[in-house]
Amino acid sequence: MVALTHFPQALSQQQPGISGFGFNASSGQSRFFKVEKSDQPKVCEYSYHEMNIIVEGEMTVSDSEGNVVDAKAGDVLHFPKGSVITFNSNSRGVGLFCGQRHQNEA
């Protein structure tokens, strides 16, 4: 049986780069990520299904179809396999993603 894992005050921990810490399993991955104001937005092409929940701050998320969402804490986003998604922020946002991918799959 798999035991419960607790990460107390996870959002208060310093998060280097775009990701803090993550969870890996044979059926998928999840990880905290942050998006900060930048002149070069982060563009991701998804070879798997992914869901994001914005847990702090705000970020602008857009897709290759021209849909744009000004996402804020509490918003949930779904990216189907094959999506091309762009992330940026006018300030800073933190999210948690859960992707249906295998370990070491980008």
C-alpha atoms as a PDB file:
ATOM      1  CA  MET A   1       0.000   0.000   0.000  1.00  0.00           C
ATOM      2  CA  VAL A   2       1.190   3.537  -0.779  1.00  0.00           C
ATOM      3  CA  ALA A   3       1.444   5.824   2.239  1.00  0.00           C
ATOM      4  CA  LEU A   4       0.318   9.435   2.425  1.00  0.00           C
ATOM      5  CA  THR A   5       3.043  12.037   1.845  1.00  0.00           C
ATOM      6  CA  HIS A   6       2.672  15.475   3.446  1.00  0.00           C
ATOM      7  CA  PHE A   7       4.502  18.633   2.310  1.00  0.00           C
ATOM      8  CA  PRO A   8       3.701  21.234   4.996  1.00  0.00           C
ATOM      9  CA  GLN A   9       3.665  24.882   3.877  1.00  0.00           C
ATOM     10  CA  ALA A  10       4.864  23.873   0.404  1.00  0.00           C
ATOM     11  CA  LEU A  11       4.146  27.257  -1.170  1.00  0.00           C
ATOM     12  CA  SER A  12       6.267  29.092   1.386  1.00  0.00           C
ATOM     13  CA  GLN A  13       9.380  27.176   0.323  1.00  0.00           C
ATOM     14  CA  GLN A  14      11.793  28.887  -2.060  1.00  0.00           C
ATOM     15  CA  GLN A  15      11.150  27.607  -5.592  1.00  0.00           C
ATOM     16  CA  PRO A  16      14.160  27.756  -7.918  1.00  0.00           C
ATOM     17  CA  GLY A  17      13.581  28.312 -11.637  1.00  0.00           C
ATOM     18  CA  ILE A  18      10.202  27.381 -13.051  1.00  0.00           C
ATOM     19  CA  SER A  19       9.619  24.371 -10.810  1.00  0.00           C
ATOM     20  CA  GLY A  20       9.814  23.702  -7.106  1.00  0.00           C
ATOM     21  CA  PHE A  21       9.327  20.095  -6.178  1.00  0.00           C
ATOM     22  CA  GLY A  22       7.307  17.409  -7.857  1.00  0.00           C
ATOM     23  CA  PHE A  23       5.715  14.038  -7.524  1.00  0.00           C
ATOM     24  CA  ASN A  24       6.336  11.191  -9.947  1.00  0.00           C
ATOM     25  CA  ALA A  25       4.328   8.041 -10.476  1.00  0.00           C
ATOM     26  CA  SER A  26       4.088   5.445 -13.220  1.00  0.00           C
ATOM     27  CA  SER A  27       0.767   6.969 -14.357  1.00  0.00           C
ATOM     28  CA  GLY A  28       1.750  10.639 -14.344  1.00  0.00           C
ATOM     29  CA  GLN A  29       3.507  13.562 -12.700  1.00  0.00           C
ATOM     30  CA  SER A  30       2.597  16.659 -10.759  1.00  0.00           C
ATOM     31  CA  ARG A  31       4.730  19.648  -9.878  1.00  0.00           C
ATOM     32  CA  PHE A  32       4.484  23.176  -8.584  1.00  0.00           C
ATOM     33  CA  PHE A  33       5.589  25.742 -11.150  1.00  0.00           C
ATOM     34  CA  LYS A  34       5.882  29.504 -11.191  1.00  0.00           C
ATOM     35  CA  VAL A  35       5.556  32.041 -13.964  1.00  0.00           C
ATOM     36  CA  GLU A  36       7.132  35.453 -13.547  1.00  0.00           C
ATOM     37  CA  LYS A  37       6.994  38.593 -15.661  1.00  0.00           C
ATOM     38  CA  SER A  38       9.246  38.137 -18.683  1.00  0.00           C
ATOM     39  CA  ASP A  39       9.871  39.508 -22.160  1.00  0.00           C
ATOM     40  CA  GLN A  40      10.040  35.883 -23.338  1.00  0.00           C
ATOM     41  CA  PRO A  41       6.905  33.896 -22.448  1.00  0.00           C
ATOM     42  CA  LYS A  42       7.229  30.160 -21.788  1.00  0.00           C
ATOM     43  CA  VAL A  43       5.801  28.083 -24.678  1.00  0.00           C
ATOM     44  CA  CYS A  44       4.966  24.404 -24.064  1.00  0.00           C
ATOM     45  CA  GLU A  45       3.835  21.782 -26.566  1.00  0.00           C
ATOM     46  CA  TYR A  46       1.972  18.947 -24.846  1.00  0.00           C
ATOM     47  CA  SER A  47       2.398  15.328 -25.912  1.00  0.00           C
ATOM     48  CA  TYR A  48       0.098  14.300 -23.041  1.00  0.00           C
ATOM     49  CA  HIS A  49      -3.019  15.582 -21.250  1.00  0.00           C
ATOM     50  CA  GLU A  50      -2.406  18.048 -18.407  1.00  0.00           C
ATOM     51  CA  MET A  51      -4.432  19.953 -15.826  1.00  0.00           C
ATOM     52  CA  ASN A  52      -3.265  23.058 -13.943  1.00  0.00           C
ATOM     53  CA  ILE A  53      -4.690  24.763 -10.889  1.00  0.00           C
ATOM     54  CA  ILE A  54      -3.487  28.277 -10.174  1.00  0.00           C
ATOM     55  CA  VAL A  55      -2.736  28.414  -6.443  1.00  0.00           C
ATOM     56  CA  GLU A  56      -1.284  31.907  -6.030  1.00  0.00           C
ATOM     57  CA  GLY A  57      -1.035  35.162  -7.987  1.00  0.00           C
ATOM     58  CA  GLU A  58      -1.973  35.441 -11.641  1.00  0.00           C
ATOM     59  CA  MET A  59      -0.770  34.440 -15.101  1.00  0.00           C
ATOM     60  CA  THR A  60      -1.865  34.820 -18.694  1.00  0.00           C
ATOM     61  CA  VAL A  61      -2.326  31.505 -20.498  1.00  0.00           C
ATOM     62  CA  SER A  62      -3.014  31.279 -24.233  1.00  0.00           C
ATOM     63  CA  ASP A  63      -3.256  28.554 -26.847  1.00  0.00           C
ATOM     64  CA  SER A  64      -2.463  28.289 -30.549  1.00  0.00           C
ATOM     65  CA  GLU A  65      -6.169  28.791 -31.398  1.00  0.00           C
ATOM     66  CA  GLY A  66      -6.076  32.343 -30.012  1.00  0.00           C
ATOM     67  CA  ASN A  67      -7.855  31.647 -26.710  1.00  0.00           C
ATOM     68  CA  VAL A  68      -6.470  33.786 -23.859  1.00  0.00           C
ATOM     69  CA  VAL A  69      -7.212  33.348 -20.155  1.00  0.00           C
ATOM     70  CA  ASP A  70      -6.157  35.744 -17.409  1.00  0.00           C
ATOM     71  CA  ALA A  71      -5.945  33.010 -14.786  1.00  0.00           C
ATOM     72  CA  LYS A  72      -5.865  33.692 -11.052  1.00  0.00           C
ATOM     73  CA  ALA A  73      -5.734  31.655  -7.848  1.00  0.00           C
ATOM     74  CA  GLY A  74      -8.474  29.029  -7.849  1.00  0.00           C
ATOM     75  CA  ASP A  75      -8.746  28.697 -11.649  1.00  0.00           C
ATOM     76  CA  VAL A  76      -8.349  25.242 -13.221  1.00  0.00           C
ATOM     77  CA  LEU A  77      -7.113  24.747 -16.795  1.00  0.00           C
ATOM     78  CA  HIS A  78      -7.053  21.622 -18.998  1.00  0.00           C
ATOM     79  CA  PHE A  79      -4.642  21.178 -21.910  1.00  0.00           C
ATOM     80  CA  PRO A  80      -5.439  18.235 -24.197  1.00  0.00           C
ATOM     81  CA  LYS A  81      -2.671  16.246 -25.822  1.00  0.00           C
ATOM     82  CA  GLY A  82      -1.335  18.190 -28.833  1.00  0.00           C
ATOM     83  CA  SER A  83      -1.950  21.648 -27.321  1.00  0.00           C
ATOM     84  CA  VAL A  84       0.581  24.465 -27.701  1.00  0.00           C
ATOM     85  CA  ILE A  85       0.252  26.689 -24.619  1.00  0.00           C
ATOM     86  CA  THR A  86       1.986  29.972 -23.776  1.00  0.00           C
ATOM     87  CA  PHE A  87       2.468  31.178 -20.183  1.00  0.00           C
ATOM     88  CA  ASN A  88       3.323  34.713 -19.034  1.00  0.00           C
ATOM     89  CA  SER A  89       2.529  37.025 -16.132  1.00  0.00           C
ATOM     90  CA  ASN A  90       2.394  40.749 -15.444  1.00  0.00           C
ATOM     91  CA  SER A  91       3.616  39.947 -11.931  1.00  0.00           C
ATOM     92  CA  ARG A  92       3.936  36.349 -10.671  1.00  0.00           C
ATOM     93  CA  GLY A  93       1.822  33.228 -10.520  1.00  0.00           C
ATOM     94  CA  VAL A  94       2.227  29.792  -8.976  1.00  0.00           C
ATOM     95  CA  GLY A  95       0.402  26.715 -10.186  1.00  0.00           C
ATOM     96  CA  LEU A  96       0.271  22.978  -9.675  1.00  0.00           C
ATOM     97  CA  PHE A  97       0.120  20.713 -12.694  1.00  0.00           C
ATOM     98  CA  CYS A  98      -0.816  17.092 -13.025  1.00  0.00           C
ATOM     99  CA  GLY A  99       0.144  15.505 -16.325  1.00  0.00           C
ATOM    100  CA  GLN A 100      -0.622  12.108 -17.746  1.00  0.00           C
ATOM    101  CA  ARG A 101       2.946  11.344 -18.736  1.00  0.00           C
ATOM    102  CA  HIS A 102       5.606   8.890 -17.767  1.00  0.00           C
ATOM    103  CA  GLN A 103       8.769   9.740 -15.881  1.00  0.00           C
ATOM    104  CA  ASN A 104      11.444  11.380 -18.129  1.00  0.00           C
ATOM    105  CA  GLU A 105       8.846  12.144 -20.821  1.00  0.00           C
ATOM    106  CA  ALA A 106       8.856  15.853 -21.735  1.00  0.00           C
END
